[in-house]
Protein backbone atom coordinates (compact mmCIF):
# COMPACT_ATOMS: atom_id res chain seq x y z
CA UNK A 1 6.80 194.64 97.96
CA UNK A 2 7.44 191.52 95.90
CA UNK A 3 4.72 192.52 93.44
CA UNK A 4 6.26 196.00 93.12
CA UNK A 5 9.68 194.46 92.45
CA UNK A 6 8.23 192.14 89.81
CA UNK A 7 6.32 194.97 88.16
CA UNK A 8 8.96 197.72 88.25
CA UNK A 9 12.19 195.86 88.90
CA UNK A 10 15.00 196.13 91.38
CA UNK A 11 16.62 199.11 89.70
CA UNK A 12 13.45 201.19 89.97
CA UNK A 13 13.31 200.39 93.67
CA UNK A 14 16.98 201.33 94.09
CA UNK A 15 16.44 204.54 92.11
CA UNK A 16 13.54 205.51 94.38
CA UNK A 17 15.75 205.00 97.42
CA UNK A 18 18.51 207.14 95.90
CA UNK A 19 16.16 209.97 94.95
CA UNK A 20 14.43 210.13 98.32
CA UNK A 21 17.64 210.02 100.39
CA UNK A 22 20.32 211.88 98.41
CA UNK A 23 22.76 212.34 101.30
CA UNK A 24 22.72 208.66 102.19
CA UNK A 25 22.96 207.75 98.50
CA UNK A 26 25.98 210.04 98.04
CA UNK A 27 27.69 208.42 101.05
CA UNK A 28 26.90 204.94 99.74
CA UNK A 29 28.33 205.71 96.31
CA UNK A 30 31.44 207.36 97.79
CA UNK A 31 32.08 204.34 100.02
CA UNK A 32 31.65 201.94 97.09
CA UNK A 33 34.05 203.91 94.92
CA UNK A 34 36.63 204.19 97.69
CA UNK A 35 36.49 200.42 98.21
CA UNK A 36 37.55 200.03 94.58
CA UNK A 37 40.01 202.88 94.07
CA UNK A 38 40.98 203.73 97.63
CA UNK A 39 41.56 207.30 98.72
CA UNK A 40 42.36 208.64 95.26
CA UNK A 41 42.38 212.28 96.38
CA UNK A 42 45.29 211.66 98.71
CA UNK A 43 47.11 209.27 96.38
CA UNK A 44 47.01 211.64 93.44
CA UNK A 45 47.39 214.98 95.26
CA UNK A 46 51.12 215.21 94.53
CA UNK A 47 50.66 214.13 90.92
CA UNK A 48 47.97 216.79 90.49
CA UNK A 49 50.23 219.44 92.01
CA UNK A 50 53.02 218.54 89.56
CA UNK A 51 50.64 218.63 86.58
CA UNK A 52 49.14 221.97 87.65
CA UNK A 53 52.64 223.45 88.06
CA UNK A 54 53.66 222.22 84.60
CA UNK A 55 50.44 223.59 83.11
CA UNK A 56 51.15 226.99 84.67
CA UNK A 57 54.70 226.89 83.25
CA UNK A 58 53.40 226.10 79.77
CA UNK A 59 50.88 228.93 79.92
CA UNK A 60 53.64 231.31 80.90
CA UNK A 61 56.10 230.04 78.27
CA UNK A 62 53.56 230.23 75.45
CA UNK A 63 52.05 233.52 76.64
CA UNK A 64 48.62 231.90 76.41
CA UNK A 65 47.62 232.82 79.95
CA UNK A 66 46.50 236.34 79.03
CA UNK A 67 44.73 235.17 75.90
CA UNK A 68 42.83 232.44 77.75
CA UNK A 69 41.85 234.88 80.49
CA UNK A 70 40.57 237.29 77.85
CA UNK A 71 38.52 234.56 76.14
CA UNK A 72 36.97 233.41 79.42
CA UNK A 73 36.15 236.96 80.48
CA UNK A 74 34.58 237.79 77.11
CA UNK A 75 32.48 234.63 77.29
CA UNK A 76 31.37 235.55 80.83
CA UNK A 77 30.29 238.98 79.56
CA UNK A 78 28.19 237.36 76.83
CA UNK A 79 26.46 235.17 79.44
CA UNK A 80 25.37 238.24 81.41
């Protein structure tokens, strides 16, 4: 193992572990992030709701909602 680490490095070894165990890797990364930022989903849920409501108001006020829907739908048709 020491020879492998010297030859390929610690990051290669860590990358191999991540690739071979994606569920455990995802949990590890989530836990590390939550240690730093806490439960951001809960903390920012109300802020997100307020921003989404304001965005919806702006779309309605500017009448852009229909136009944006049309653009997205036309792009979806081109993809098919």
